[in-house]
Amino acid sequence: LFLSGMVALIMLRILRKDLYRYNQLEQTEEAREEAREETGWKLVSGDVFRPPKYAGLLAVYIGTGVQIFGMTCFTIAFAVLGFLWP
């Protein structure tokens, strides 16, 4: 929870800075287009939508992790409800 809050705070600061810079530019179409190309989402979009190198292995790890997490929650819930005998 704390880590998510810190990431959100950093993202808000970056977005606020980008919006401030965007609003300070001249209102001509050429300056606006130039700003879009060099800052913000355009710089990050190439890395975000790049497929992972080992996509199959990543899918296996995620599937296994979700299954283990689900079974752990399920077992803990049954233990709390008293269905498991010590």
PDB file of N, CA and C in Angstrom:
ATOM      1  N   LEU A   1       0.830  -1.190   0.000  1.00  0.00           N
ATOM      2  CA  LEU A   1       0.000   0.000   0.000  1.00  0.00           C
ATOM      3  C   LEU A   1       0.871   1.249   0.000  1.00  0.00           C
ATOM      4  N   PHE A   2       1.904   1.240   0.828  1.00  0.00           N
ATOM      5  CA  PHE A   2       2.801   2.383   0.895  1.00  0.00           C
ATOM      6  C   PHE A   2       3.534   2.580  -0.425  1.00  0.00           C
ATOM      7  N   LEU A   3       3.998   1.476  -1.015  1.00  0.00           N
ATOM      8  CA  LEU A   3       4.721   1.547  -2.276  1.00  0.00           C
ATOM      9  C   LEU A   3       3.812   2.060  -3.400  1.00  0.00           C
ATOM     10  N   SER A   4       2.565   1.627  -3.411  1.00  0.00           N
ATOM     11  CA  SER A   4       1.614   2.112  -4.421  1.00  0.00           C
ATOM     12  C   SER A   4       1.386   3.605  -4.272  1.00  0.00           C
ATOM     13  N   GLY A   5       1.296   4.066  -3.041  1.00  0.00           N
ATOM     14  CA  GLY A   5       1.128   5.498  -2.799  1.00  0.00           C
ATOM     15  C   GLY A   5       2.329   6.298  -3.277  1.00  0.00           C
ATOM     16  N   MET A   6       3.519   5.778  -3.045  1.00  0.00           N
ATOM     17  CA  MET A   6       4.727   6.481  -3.492  1.00  0.00           C
ATOM     18  C   MET A   6       4.792   6.546  -5.014  1.00  0.00           C
ATOM     19  N   VAL A   7       4.452   5.450  -5.682  1.00  0.00           N
ATOM     20  CA  VAL A   7       4.447   5.441  -7.145  1.00  0.00           C
ATOM     21  C   VAL A   7       3.418   6.437  -7.678  1.00  0.00           C
ATOM     22  N   ALA A   8       2.238   6.469  -7.066  1.00  0.00           N
ATOM     23  CA  ALA A   8       1.207   7.415  -7.493  1.00  0.00           C
ATOM     24  C   ALA A   8       1.665   8.850  -7.280  1.00  0.00           C
ATOM     25  N   LEU A   9       2.341   9.119  -6.179  1.00  0.00           N
ATOM     26  CA  LEU A   9       2.837  10.469  -5.911  1.00  0.00           C
ATOM     27  C   LEU A   9       3.869  10.889  -6.946  1.00  0.00           C
ATOM     28  N   ILE A  10       4.771   9.992  -7.294  1.00  0.00           N
ATOM     29  CA  ILE A  10       5.782  10.301  -8.305  1.00  0.00           C
ATOM     30  C   ILE A  10       5.131  10.540  -9.657  1.00  0.00           C
ATOM     31  N   MET A  11       4.165   9.702 -10.014  1.00  0.00           N
ATOM     32  CA  MET A  11       3.480   9.883 -11.296  1.00  0.00           C
ATOM     33  C   MET A  11       2.734  11.216 -11.356  1.00  0.00           C
ATOM     34  N   LEU A  12       2.082  11.589 -10.261  1.00  0.00           N
ATOM     35  CA  LEU A  12       1.377  12.869 -10.232  1.00  0.00           C
ATOM     36  C   LEU A  12       2.327  14.039 -10.386  1.00  0.00           C
ATOM     37  N   ARG A  13       3.493  13.962  -9.746  1.00  0.00           N
ATOM     38  CA  ARG A  13       4.474  15.041  -9.888  1.00  0.00           C
ATOM     39  C   ARG A  13       4.956  15.168 -11.322  1.00  0.00           C
ATOM     40  N   ILE A  14       5.221  14.038 -11.959  1.00  0.00           N
ATOM     41  CA  ILE A  14       5.695  14.058 -13.344  1.00  0.00           C
ATOM     42  C   ILE A  14       4.612  14.595 -14.267  1.00  0.00           C
ATOM     43  N   LEU A  15       3.368  14.129 -14.080  1.00  0.00           N
ATOM     44  CA  LEU A  15       2.277  14.619 -14.927  1.00  0.00           C
ATOM     45  C   LEU A  15       2.035  16.107 -14.724  1.00  0.00           C
ATOM     46  N   ARG A  16       2.107  16.559 -13.484  1.00  0.00           N
ATOM     47  CA  ARG A  16       1.904  17.980 -13.217  1.00  0.00           C
ATOM     48  C   ARG A  16       2.982  18.818 -13.891  1.00  0.00           C
ATOM     49  N   LYS A  17       4.234  18.344 -13.842  1.00  0.00           N
ATOM     50  CA  LYS A  17       5.327  19.066 -14.481  1.00  0.00           C
ATOM     51  C   LYS A  17       5.151  19.101 -16.002  1.00  0.00           C
ATOM     52  N   ASP A  18       4.771  17.961 -16.585  1.00  0.00           N
ATOM     53  CA  ASP A  18       4.555  17.922 -18.034  1.00  0.00           C
ATOM     54  C   ASP A  18       3.411  18.832 -18.456  1.00  0.00           C
ATOM     55  N   LEU A  19       2.325  18.826 -17.691  1.00  0.00           N
ATOM     56  CA  LEU A  19       1.195  19.694 -18.032  1.00  0.00           C
ATOM     57  C   LEU A  19       1.557  21.170 -17.892  1.00  0.00           C
ATOM     58  N   TYR A  20       2.339  21.500 -16.879  1.00  0.00           N
ATOM     59  CA  TYR A  20       2.763  22.884 -16.709  1.00  0.00           C
ATOM     60  C   TYR A  20       3.617  23.323 -17.892  1.00  0.00           C
ATOM     61  N   ARG A  21       4.568  22.466 -18.303  1.00  0.00           N
ATOM     62  CA  ARG A  21       5.416  22.800 -19.448  1.00  0.00           C
ATOM     63  C   ARG A  21       4.595  22.905 -20.728  1.00  0.00           C
ATOM     64  N   TYR A  22       3.623  22.030 -20.887  1.00  0.00           N
ATOM     65  CA  TYR A  22       2.786  22.048 -22.084  1.00  0.00           C
ATOM     66  C   TYR A  22       1.958  23.331 -22.143  1.00  0.00           C
ATOM     67  N   ASN A  23       1.435  23.765 -21.014  1.00  0.00           N
ATOM     68  CA  ASN A  23       0.620  24.972 -20.991  1.00  0.00           C
ATOM     69  C   ASN A  23       1.442  26.242 -21.154  1.00  0.00           C
ATOM     70  N   GLN A  24       2.720  26.217 -20.837  1.00  0.00           N
ATOM     71  CA  GLN A  24       3.565  27.395 -20.966  1.00  0.00           C
ATOM     72  C   GLN A  24       4.068  27.614 -22.384  1.00  0.00           C
ATOM     73  N   LEU A  25       3.952  26.622 -23.226  1.00  0.00           N
ATOM     74  CA  LEU A  25       4.413  26.763 -24.603  1.00  0.00           C
ATOM     75  C   LEU A  25       3.536  27.740 -25.375  1.00  0.00           C
ATOM     76  N   GLU A  26       4.090  28.203 -26.443  1.00  0.00           N
ATOM     77  CA  GLU A  26       3.287  29.052 -27.322  1.00  0.00           C
ATOM     78  C   GLU A  26       2.104  28.240 -27.839  1.00  0.00           C
ATOM     79  N   GLN A  27       1.063  28.916 -28.147  1.00  0.00           N
ATOM     80  CA  GLN A  27      -0.153  28.224 -28.551  1.00  0.00           C
ATOM     81  C   GLN A  27      -0.205  27.922 -30.050  1.00  0.00           C
ATOM     82  N   THR A  28       0.934  27.986 -30.707  1.00  0.00           N
ATOM     83  CA  THR A  28       0.952  27.642 -32.121  1.00  0.00           C
ATOM     84  C   THR A  28       0.931  26.128 -32.277  1.00  0.00           C
ATOM     85  N   GLU A  29       0.443  25.686 -33.385  1.00  0.00           N
ATOM     86  CA  GLU A  29       0.323  24.250 -33.629  1.00  0.00           C
ATOM     87  C   GLU A  29       1.694  23.589 -33.757  1.00  0.00           C
ATOM     88  N   GLU A  30       2.646  24.290 -34.331  1.00  0.00           N
ATOM     89  CA  GLU A  30       3.983  23.719 -34.511  1.00  0.00           C
ATOM     90  C   GLU A  30       4.681  23.488 -33.164  1.00  0.00           C
ATOM     91  N   ALA A  31       4.587  24.433 -32.258  1.00  0.00           N
ATOM     92  CA  ALA A  31       5.209  24.281 -30.937  1.00  0.00           C
ATOM     93  C   ALA A  31       4.520  23.181 -30.144  1.00  0.00           C
ATOM     94  N   ARG A  32       3.226  23.078 -30.282  1.00  0.00           N
ATOM     95  CA  ARG A  32       2.479  22.054 -29.570  1.00  0.00           C
ATOM     96  C   ARG A  32       2.859  20.650 -30.063  1.00  0.00           C
ATOM     97  N   GLU A  33       3.010  20.506 -31.370  1.00  0.00           N
ATOM     98  CA  GLU A  33       3.392  19.215 -31.940  1.00  0.00           C
ATOM     99  C   GLU A  33       4.813  18.845 -31.542  1.00  0.00           C
ATOM    100  N   GLU A  34       5.699  19.814 -31.495  1.00  0.00           N
ATOM    101  CA  GLU A  34       7.075  19.577 -31.079  1.00  0.00           C
ATOM    102  C   GLU A  34       7.137  19.093 -29.629  1.00  0.00           C
ATOM    103  N   ALA A  35       6.335  19.662 -28.784  1.00  0.00           N
ATOM    104  CA  ALA A  35       6.324  19.289 -27.368  1.00  0.00           C
ATOM    105  C   ALA A  35       5.789  17.874 -27.183  1.00  0.00           C
ATOM    106  N   ARG A  36       4.824  17.494 -27.975  1.00  0.00           N
ATOM    107  CA  ARG A  36       4.260  16.147 -27.865  1.00  0.00           C
ATOM    108  C   ARG A  36       5.287  15.081 -28.227  1.00  0.00           C
ATOM    109  N   GLU A  37       6.147  15.391 -29.191  1.00  0.00           N
ATOM    110  CA  GLU A  37       7.103  14.402 -29.658  1.00  0.00           C
ATOM    111  C   GLU A  37       8.247  14.189 -28.684  1.00  0.00           C
ATOM    112  N   GLU A  38       8.645  15.193 -27.925  1.00  0.00           N
ATOM    113  CA  GLU A  38       9.844  15.073 -27.111  1.00  0.00           C
ATOM    114  C   GLU A  38       9.594  14.832 -25.626  1.00  0.00           C
ATOM    115  N   THR A  39       8.372  14.951 -25.151  1.00  0.00           N
ATOM    116  CA  THR A  39       8.126  14.756 -23.720  1.00  0.00           C
ATOM    117  C   THR A  39       6.954  13.818 -23.501  1.00  0.00           C
ATOM    118  N   GLY A  40       6.863  13.312 -22.300  1.00  0.00           N
ATOM    119  CA  GLY A  40       5.684  12.583 -21.862  1.00  0.00           C
ATOM    120  C   GLY A  40       5.592  11.164 -22.359  1.00  0.00           C
ATOM    121  N   TRP A  41       4.392  10.791 -22.736  1.00  0.00           N
ATOM    122  CA  TRP A  41       4.050   9.419 -23.071  1.00  0.00           C
ATOM    123  C   TRP A  41       4.792   8.910 -24.299  1.00  0.00           C
ATOM    124  N   LYS A  42       5.105   9.787 -25.225  1.00  0.00           N
ATOM    125  CA  LYS A  42       5.775   9.357 -26.456  1.00  0.00           C
ATOM    126  C   LYS A  42       7.130   8.731 -26.163  1.00  0.00           C
ATOM    127  N   LEU A  43       7.822   9.199 -25.134  1.00  0.00           N
ATOM    128  CA  LEU A  43       9.125   8.644 -24.800  1.00  0.00           C
ATOM    129  C   LEU A  43       9.009   7.251 -24.192  1.00  0.00           C
ATOM    130  N   VAL A  44       7.944   6.983 -23.492  1.00  0.00           N
ATOM    131  CA  VAL A  44       7.794   5.744 -22.758  1.00  0.00           C
ATOM    132  C   VAL A  44       7.046   4.680 -23.559  1.00  0.00           C
ATOM    133  N   SER A  45       6.253   5.076 -24.535  1.00  0.00           N
ATOM    134  CA  SER A  45       5.356   4.136 -25.207  1.00  0.00           C
ATOM    135  C   SER A  45       6.096   3.007 -25.910  1.00  0.00           C
ATOM    136  N   GLY A  46       7.305   3.245 -26.406  1.00  0.00           N
ATOM    137  CA  GLY A  46       8.059   2.179 -27.063  1.00  0.00           C
ATOM    138  C   GLY A  46       8.422   1.059 -26.111  1.00  0.00           C
ATOM    139  N   ASP A  47       8.765   1.398 -24.872  1.00  0.00           N
ATOM    140  CA  ASP A  47       9.123   0.374 -23.896  1.00  0.00           C
ATOM    141  C   ASP A  47       7.905  -0.296 -23.294  1.00  0.00           C
ATOM    142  N   VAL A  48       6.811   0.426 -23.178  1.00  0.00           N
ATOM    143  CA  VAL A  48       5.615  -0.129 -22.542  1.00  0.00           C
ATOM    144  C   VAL A  48       4.988  -1.210 -23.412  1.00  0.00           C
ATOM    145  N   PHE A  49       4.922  -0.995 -24.706  1.00  0.00           N
ATOM    146  CA  PHE A  49       4.243  -1.933 -25.590  1.00  0.00           C
ATOM    147  C   PHE A  49       5.188  -2.942 -26.229  1.00  0.00           C
ATOM    148  N   ARG A  50       6.431  -2.992 -25.784  1.00  0.00           N
ATOM    149  CA  ARG A  50       7.389  -3.965 -26.298  1.00  0.00           C
ATOM    150  C   ARG A  50       7.089  -5.325 -25.677  1.00  0.00           C
ATOM    151  N   PRO A  51       6.976  -6.385 -26.493  1.00  0.00           N
ATOM    152  CA  PRO A  51       6.690  -7.703 -25.909  1.00  0.00           C
ATOM    153  C   PRO A  51       7.899  -8.208 -25.120  1.00  0.00           C
ATOM    154  N   PRO A  52       7.665  -8.970 -24.066  1.00  0.00           N
ATOM    155  CA  PRO A  52       8.785  -9.480 -23.277  1.00  0.00           C
ATOM    156  C   PRO A  52       9.599 -10.503 -24.066  1.00  0.00           C
ATOM    157  N   LYS A  53      10.856 -10.643 -23.682  1.00  0.00           N
ATOM    158  CA  LYS A  53      11.753 -11.542 -24.410  1.00  0.00           C
ATOM    159  C   LYS A  53      11.325 -12.997 -24.282  1.00  0.00           C
ATOM    160  N   TYR A  54      10.959 -13.428 -23.085  1.00  0.00           N
ATOM    161  CA  TYR A  54      10.516 -14.798 -22.844  1.00  0.00           C
ATOM    162  C   TYR A  54       9.051 -14.771 -22.425  1.00  0.00           C
ATOM    163  N   ALA A  55       8.165 -14.528 -23.363  1.00  0.00           N
ATOM    164  CA  ALA A  55       6.745 -14.369 -23.056  1.00  0.00           C
ATOM    165  C   ALA A  55       6.130 -15.668 -22.521  1.00  0.00           C
ATOM    166  N   GLY A  56       6.514 -16.796 -23.060  1.00  0.00           N
ATOM    167  CA  GLY A  56       5.968 -18.073 -22.598  1.00  0.00           C
ATOM    168  C   GLY A  56       6.352 -18.374 -21.161  1.00  0.00           C
ATOM    169  N   LEU A  57       7.607 -18.132 -20.819  1.00  0.00           N
ATOM    170  CA  LEU A  57       8.077 -18.367 -19.457  1.00  0.00           C
ATOM    171  C   LEU A  57       7.397 -17.407 -18.475  1.00  0.00           C
ATOM    172  N   LEU A  58       7.205 -16.164 -18.896  1.00  0.00           N
ATOM    173  CA  LEU A  58       6.496 -15.195 -18.055  1.00  0.00           C
ATOM    174  C   LEU A  58       5.063 -15.644 -17.786  1.00  0.00           C
ATOM    175  N   ALA A  59       4.397 -16.167 -18.803  1.00  0.00           N
ATOM    176  CA  ALA A  59       3.022 -16.648 -18.633  1.00  0.00           C
ATOM    177  C   ALA A  59       2.969 -17.820 -17.665  1.00  0.00           C
ATOM    178  N   VAL A  60       3.956 -18.714 -17.745  1.00  0.00           N
ATOM    179  CA  VAL A  60       4.001 -19.860 -16.836  1.00  0.00           C
ATOM    180  C   VAL A  60       4.194 -19.382 -15.397  1.00  0.00           C
ATOM    181  N   TYR A  61       5.117 -18.465 -15.184  1.00  0.00           N
ATOM    182  CA  TYR A  61       5.372 -17.960 -13.831  1.00  0.00           C
ATOM    183  C   TYR A  61       4.160 -17.223 -13.261  1.00  0.00           C
ATOM    184  N   ILE A  62       3.500 -16.422 -14.079  1.00  0.00           N
ATOM    185  CA  ILE A  62       2.321 -15.697 -13.603  1.00  0.00           C
ATOM    186  C   ILE A  62       1.191 -16.672 -13.283  1.00  0.00           C
ATOM    187  N   GLY A  63       0.969 -17.650 -14.149  1.00  0.00           N
ATOM    188  CA  GLY A  63      -0.088 -18.635 -13.898  1.00  0.00           C
ATOM    189  C   GLY A  63       0.162 -19.445 -12.643  1.00  0.00           C
ATOM    190  N   THR A  64       1.402 -19.864 -12.441  1.00  0.00           N
ATOM    191  CA  THR A  64       1.742 -20.635 -11.250  1.00  0.00           C
ATOM    192  C   THR A  64       1.593 -19.776 -10.000  1.00  0.00           C
ATOM    193  N   GLY A  65       2.037 -18.541 -10.066  1.00  0.00           N
ATOM    194  CA  GLY A  65       1.919 -17.639  -8.918  1.00  0.00           C
ATOM    195  C   GLY A  65       0.478 -17.369  -8.538  1.00  0.00           C
ATOM    196  N   VAL A  66      -0.372 -17.166  -9.539  1.00  0.00           N
ATOM    197  CA  VAL A  66      -1.789 -16.930  -9.257  1.00  0.00           C
ATOM    198  C   VAL A  66      -2.424 -18.162  -8.635  1.00  0.00           C
ATOM    199  N   GLN A  67      -2.064 -19.340  -9.121  1.00  0.00           N
ATOM    200  CA  GLN A  67      -2.626 -20.572  -8.560  1.00  0.00           C
ATOM    201  C   GLN A  67      -2.176 -20.764  -7.111  1.00  0.00           C
ATOM    202  N   ILE A  68      -0.907 -20.554  -6.824  1.00  0.00           N
ATOM    203  CA  ILE A  68      -0.413 -20.705  -5.449  1.00  0.00           C
ATOM    204  C   ILE A  68      -1.050 -19.674  -4.533  1.00  0.00           C
ATOM    205  N   PHE A  69      -1.163 -18.445  -4.996  1.00  0.00           N
ATOM    206  CA  PHE A  69      -1.790 -17.398  -4.192  1.00  0.00           C
ATOM    207  C   PHE A  69      -3.260 -17.727  -3.901  1.00  0.00           C
ATOM    208  N   GLY A  70      -3.985 -18.191  -4.918  1.00  0.00           N
ATOM    209  CA  GLY A  70      -5.395 -18.536  -4.735  1.00  0.00           C
ATOM    210  C   GLY A  70      -5.584 -19.682  -3.768  1.00  0.00           C
ATOM    211  N   MET A  71      -4.764 -20.694  -3.889  1.00  0.00           N
ATOM    212  CA  MET A  71      -4.885 -21.843  -2.984  1.00  0.00           C
ATOM    213  C   MET A  71      -4.490 -21.471  -1.556  1.00  0.00           C
ATOM    214  N   THR A  72      -3.518 -20.573  -1.402  1.00  0.00           N
ATOM    215  CA  THR A  72      -3.135 -20.116  -0.066  1.00  0.00           C
ATOM    216  C   THR A  72      -4.287 -19.347   0.581  1.00  0.00           C
ATOM    217  N   CYS A  73      -4.907 -18.455  -0.163  1.00  0.00           N
ATOM    218  CA  CYS A  73      -6.054 -17.707   0.374  1.00  0.00           C
ATOM    219  C   CYS A  73      -7.216 -18.639   0.713  1.00  0.00           C
ATOM    220  N   PHE A  74      -7.458 -19.602  -0.144  1.00  0.00           N
ATOM    221  CA  PHE A  74      -8.525 -20.566   0.062  1.00  0.00           C
ATOM    222  C   PHE A  74      -8.284 -21.383   1.329  1.00  0.00           C
ATOM    223  N   THR A  75      -7.052 -21.847   1.515  1.00  0.00           N
ATOM    224  CA  THR A  75      -6.706 -22.647   2.691  1.00  0.00           C
ATOM    225  C   THR A  75      -6.799 -21.815   3.965  1.00  0.00           C
ATOM    226  N   ILE A  76      -6.321 -20.579   3.912  1.00  0.00           N
ATOM    227  CA  ILE A  76      -6.398 -19.705   5.086  1.00  0.00           C
ATOM    228  C   ILE A  76      -7.856 -19.402   5.437  1.00  0.00           C
ATOM    229  N   ALA A  77      -8.685 -19.200   4.430  1.00  0.00           N
ATOM    230  CA  ALA A  77     -10.101 -18.926   4.685  1.00  0.00           C
ATOM    231  C   ALA A  77     -10.768 -20.131   5.353  1.00  0.00           C
ATOM    232  N   PHE A  78     -10.477 -21.348   4.887  1.00  0.00           N
ATOM    233  CA  PHE A  78     -11.028 -22.541   5.533  1.00  0.00           C
ATOM    234  C   PHE A  78     -10.506 -22.714   6.951  1.00  0.00           C
ATOM    235  N   ALA A  79      -9.246 -22.367   7.177  1.00  0.00           N
ATOM    236  CA  ALA A  79      -8.678 -22.478   8.522  1.00  0.00           C
ATOM    237  C   ALA A  79      -9.340 -21.485   9.470  1.00  0.00           C
ATOM    238  N   VAL A  80      -9.606 -20.296   9.004  1.00  0.00           N
ATOM    239  CA  VAL A  80     -10.259 -19.277   9.839  1.00  0.00           C
ATOM    240  C   VAL A  80     -11.695 -19.695  10.160  1.00  0.00           C
ATOM    241  N   LEU A  81     -12.368 -20.298   9.203  1.00  0.00           N
ATOM    242  CA  LEU A  81     -13.749 -20.723   9.421  1.00  0.00           C
ATOM    243  C   LEU A  81     -13.850 -22.010  10.262  1.00  0.00           C
ATOM    244  N   GLY A  82     -12.721 -22.659  10.512  1.00  0.00           N
ATOM    245  CA  GLY A  82     -12.718 -23.831  11.367  1.00  0.00           C
ATOM    246  C   GLY A  82     -12.940 -25.139  10.653  1.00  0.00           C
ATOM    247  N   PHE A  83     -12.823 -25.191   9.352  1.00  0.00           N
ATOM    248  CA  PHE A  83     -13.022 -26.435   8.621  1.00  0.00           C
ATOM    249  C   PHE A  83     -11.794 -27.349   8.666  1.00  0.00           C
ATOM    250  N   LEU A  84     -10.640 -26.799   8.989  1.00  0.00           N
ATOM    251  CA  LEU A  84      -9.420 -27.604   9.080  1.00  0.00           C
ATOM    252  C   LEU A  84      -9.164 -27.936  10.547  1.00  0.00           C
ATOM    253  N   TRP A  85      -8.855 -29.204  10.814  1.00  0.00           N
ATOM    254  CA  TRP A  85      -8.558 -29.626  12.181  1.00  0.00           C
ATOM    255  C   TRP A  85      -7.055 -29.604  12.387  1.00  0.00           C
ATOM    256  N   PRO A  86      -6.609 -29.095  13.535  1.00  0.00           N
ATOM    257  CA  PRO A  86      -5.159 -29.039  13.785  1.00  0.00           C
ATOM    258  C   PRO A  86      -4.529 -30.395  14.006  1.00  0.00           C
TER     259      PRO A  86
END
